[in-house]
Amino acid sequence: MAGTAAEAGRTFLAGVLAKISDPEKRAQVEAVLTDPANTDALVVVGSGALAQSDINKKYNDLDIESTKL
C-alpha cells in the first residue's frame, strides 16, 4: 500500500471507483474525491486503510499464537 495516508486514500478510492459501473455516477464521485478541497477526506480514508492492514496483521499474529496453544 502507499506510504502516506493521502496516497493510501487515493489508492483505496481508485479501487472503489473501479467498482462503480455507472459512468455518470463514477464521474461524480471522482469529481468530489479529486477536488483539492477534499484532501482531508482522502487522508481519513487512507488512515483507515493503513490501519486496517496493521489490524489484520495483529489479528493474524494472535490467531497463530492461539493455534500454538
Protein backbone atom coordinates (compact mmCIF):
# COMPACT_ATOMS: atom_id res chain seq x y z
CA MET A 1 0.00 0.00 0.00
CA ALA A 2 1.04 3.61 -0.48
CA GLY A 3 3.26 5.45 2.01
CA THR A 4 1.24 8.45 3.14
CA ALA A 5 -2.36 8.48 4.27
CA ALA A 6 -3.38 10.68 1.34
CA GLU A 7 -1.69 8.30 -1.13
CA ALA A 8 -3.31 5.32 0.56
CA GLY A 9 -6.67 7.09 0.32
CA ARG A 10 -6.19 7.69 -3.40
CA THR A 11 -5.21 4.06 -3.94
CA PHE A 12 -8.13 2.72 -1.94
CA LEU A 13 -10.64 5.02 -3.60
CA ALA A 14 -9.33 4.15 -7.06
CA GLY A 15 -10.38 0.60 -6.28
CA VAL A 16 -13.78 1.81 -5.12
CA LEU A 17 -14.24 3.91 -8.28
CA ALA A 18 -13.41 0.89 -10.41
CA LYS A 19 -16.41 -0.90 -8.89
CA ILE A 20 -18.92 1.83 -9.80
CA SER A 21 -20.38 0.61 -13.08
CA ASP A 22 -22.44 3.69 -13.97
CA PRO A 23 -20.04 6.07 -15.77
CA GLU A 24 -22.01 9.17 -14.77
CA LYS A 25 -22.05 8.27 -11.09
CA ARG A 26 -18.39 7.23 -11.21
CA ALA A 27 -17.52 10.64 -12.69
CA GLN A 28 -19.50 12.42 -9.96
CA VAL A 29 -17.76 10.52 -7.19
CA GLU A 30 -14.38 11.03 -8.82
CA ALA A 31 -15.01 14.77 -9.13
CA VAL A 32 -15.72 15.02 -5.41
CA LEU A 33 -12.73 12.90 -4.42
CA THR A 34 -10.24 14.68 -6.66
CA ASP A 35 -11.29 18.17 -5.57
CA PRO A 36 -8.32 19.65 -3.64
CA ALA A 37 -10.80 20.98 -1.07
CA ASN A 38 -11.47 17.36 -0.08
CA THR A 39 -7.88 16.29 0.59
CA ASP A 40 -8.69 15.82 4.28
CA ALA A 41 -11.25 13.20 3.29
CA LEU A 42 -8.55 11.29 1.41
CA VAL A 43 -6.33 11.41 4.49
CA VAL A 44 -9.13 9.99 6.67
CA VAL A 45 -9.86 7.18 4.21
CA GLY A 46 -6.16 6.45 3.77
CA SER A 47 -5.52 6.40 7.51
CA GLY A 48 -8.28 3.84 7.86
CA ALA A 49 -6.89 1.74 5.02
CA LEU A 50 -3.39 1.81 6.52
CA ALA A 51 -4.69 1.00 10.00
CA GLN A 52 -6.74 -1.93 8.68
CA SER A 53 -3.57 -3.53 7.37
CA ASP A 54 -1.99 -3.30 10.84
CA ILE A 55 -5.15 -4.62 12.49
CA ASN A 56 -5.24 -7.60 10.12
CA LYS A 57 -1.59 -8.41 10.81
CA LYS A 58 -2.09 -8.27 14.58
CA TYR A 59 -5.21 -10.42 14.34
CA ASN A 60 -3.34 -12.98 12.24
CA ASP A 61 -0.47 -12.99 14.76
CA LEU A 62 -2.94 -13.62 17.59
CA ASP A 63 -4.59 -16.39 15.60
CA ILE A 64 -1.22 -18.08 15.08
CA GLU A 65 -0.41 -17.79 18.78
CA SER A 66 -3.74 -19.24 19.83
CA THR A 67 -3.24 -22.14 17.44
CA LYS A 68 0.09 -22.90 19.12
CA LEU A 69 -1.66 -23.11 22.48
